[in-house]
Amino acid sequence: MINDLNFKCELTVKAGKRALYLNEPNKTVRVGWRESARAIASDGDEDLLIEAFSNASDDDLDW
């Protein structure tokens, strides 16, 4: 039906107990990530902040 009316939009749909809720998606996701990644790369500081970790059962896996 949206295409029949020539609307070009994105919606999020949530089902409630007695209603459907239509909302515009959040457009602020990942805002500023590009600039932050460039700043990290230009500083040469690309070390992991968290040490590598594994699960106890990873020893049983064949890689």
C-alpha atoms as a PDB file:
ATOM      1  CA  MET A   1       0.000   0.000   0.000  1.00  0.00           C
ATOM      2  CA  ILE A   2       2.866   2.409   0.751  1.00  0.00           C
ATOM      3  CA  ASN A   3       4.219   1.922  -2.754  1.00  0.00           C
ATOM      4  CA  ASP A   4       0.759   2.521  -4.213  1.00  0.00           C
ATOM      5  CA  LEU A   5       0.742   5.968  -2.616  1.00  0.00           C
ATOM      6  CA  ASN A   6       4.322   6.733  -3.721  1.00  0.00           C
ATOM      7  CA  PHE A   7       5.566   7.240  -0.165  1.00  0.00           C
ATOM      8  CA  LYS A   8       9.279   6.758   0.334  1.00  0.00           C
ATOM      9  CA  CYS A   9       9.909   6.313   4.021  1.00  0.00           C
ATOM     10  CA  GLU A  10      11.100   3.878   6.659  1.00  0.00           C
ATOM     11  CA  LEU A  11       9.052   2.897   9.651  1.00  0.00           C
ATOM     12  CA  THR A  12       9.544   0.810  12.734  1.00  0.00           C
ATOM     13  CA  VAL A  13       6.537  -1.241  13.720  1.00  0.00           C
ATOM     14  CA  LYS A  14       5.867  -2.435  17.254  1.00  0.00           C
ATOM     15  CA  ALA A  15       2.908  -4.546  18.236  1.00  0.00           C
ATOM     16  CA  GLY A  16       1.132  -3.651  21.419  1.00  0.00           C
ATOM     17  CA  LYS A  17      -1.598  -5.543  23.182  1.00  0.00           C
ATOM     18  CA  ARG A  18      -4.351  -3.828  21.195  1.00  0.00           C
ATOM     19  CA  ALA A  19      -2.529  -1.608  18.715  1.00  0.00           C
ATOM     20  CA  LEU A  20       0.288  -1.313  16.210  1.00  0.00           C
ATOM     21  CA  TYR A  21       2.742   1.532  16.774  1.00  0.00           C
ATOM     22  CA  LEU A  22       4.413   3.108  13.733  1.00  0.00           C
ATOM     23  CA  ASN A  23       7.447   5.299  14.290  1.00  0.00           C
ATOM     24  CA  GLU A  24      10.239   6.790  12.270  1.00  0.00           C
ATOM     25  CA  PRO A  25      13.508   4.934  12.901  1.00  0.00           C
ATOM     26  CA  ASN A  26      16.170   6.546  15.054  1.00  0.00           C
ATOM     27  CA  LYS A  27      18.481   8.433  12.692  1.00  0.00           C
ATOM     28  CA  THR A  28      21.117   9.209  15.326  1.00  0.00           C
ATOM     29  CA  VAL A  29      22.625   5.718  15.425  1.00  0.00           C
ATOM     30  CA  ARG A  30      26.409   5.746  14.993  1.00  0.00           C
ATOM     31  CA  VAL A  31      26.576   9.533  14.775  1.00  0.00           C
ATOM     32  CA  GLY A  32      30.210  10.615  14.969  1.00  0.00           C
ATOM     33  CA  TRP A  33      31.700   7.133  14.518  1.00  0.00           C
ATOM     34  CA  ARG A  34      33.458   8.053  11.270  1.00  0.00           C
ATOM     35  CA  GLU A  35      35.189  11.050  12.815  1.00  0.00           C
ATOM     36  CA  SER A  36      36.180   9.070  15.901  1.00  0.00           C
ATOM     37  CA  ALA A  37      37.661   6.260  13.804  1.00  0.00           C
ATOM     38  CA  ARG A  38      39.655   8.766  11.766  1.00  0.00           C
ATOM     39  CA  ALA A  39      40.990  10.385  14.948  1.00  0.00           C
ATOM     40  CA  ILE A  40      42.093   7.011  16.323  1.00  0.00           C
ATOM     41  CA  ALA A  41      43.754   6.073  13.038  1.00  0.00           C
ATOM     42  CA  SER A  42      45.567   9.404  12.769  1.00  0.00           C
ATOM     43  CA  ASP A  43      46.935   9.022  16.327  1.00  0.00           C
ATOM     44  CA  GLY A  44      48.268   5.571  15.469  1.00  0.00           C
ATOM     45  CA  ASP A  45      46.580   4.262  18.607  1.00  0.00           C
ATOM     46  CA  GLU A  46      44.793   1.196  17.283  1.00  0.00           C
ATOM     47  CA  ASP A  47      45.519  -1.186  20.164  1.00  0.00           C
ATOM     48  CA  LEU A  48      42.606  -3.145  21.562  1.00  0.00           C
ATOM     49  CA  LEU A  49      41.225  -1.692  24.766  1.00  0.00           C
ATOM     50  CA  ILE A  50      39.973  -5.077  25.926  1.00  0.00           C
ATOM     51  CA  GLU A  51      42.253  -8.097  25.909  1.00  0.00           C
ATOM     52  CA  ALA A  52      41.230 -11.005  23.709  1.00  0.00           C
ATOM     53  CA  PHE A  53      39.018 -13.402  25.611  1.00  0.00           C
ATOM     54  CA  SER A  54      37.539 -16.805  24.914  1.00  0.00           C
ATOM     55  CA  ASN A  55      34.943 -19.161  26.273  1.00  0.00           C
ATOM     56  CA  ALA A  56      35.881 -22.168  28.374  1.00  0.00           C
ATOM     57  CA  SER A  57      34.676 -24.536  25.639  1.00  0.00           C
ATOM     58  CA  ASP A  58      36.766 -22.883  22.877  1.00  0.00           C
ATOM     59  CA  ASP A  59      39.634 -25.311  23.500  1.00  0.00           C
ATOM     60  CA  ASP A  60      37.438 -28.068  22.052  1.00  0.00           C
ATOM     61  CA  LEU A  61      36.940 -26.262  18.724  1.00  0.00           C
ATOM     62  CA  ASP A  62      38.939 -26.960  15.569  1.00  0.00           C
ATOM     63  CA  TRP A  63      39.807 -23.741  13.749  1.00  0.00           C
END
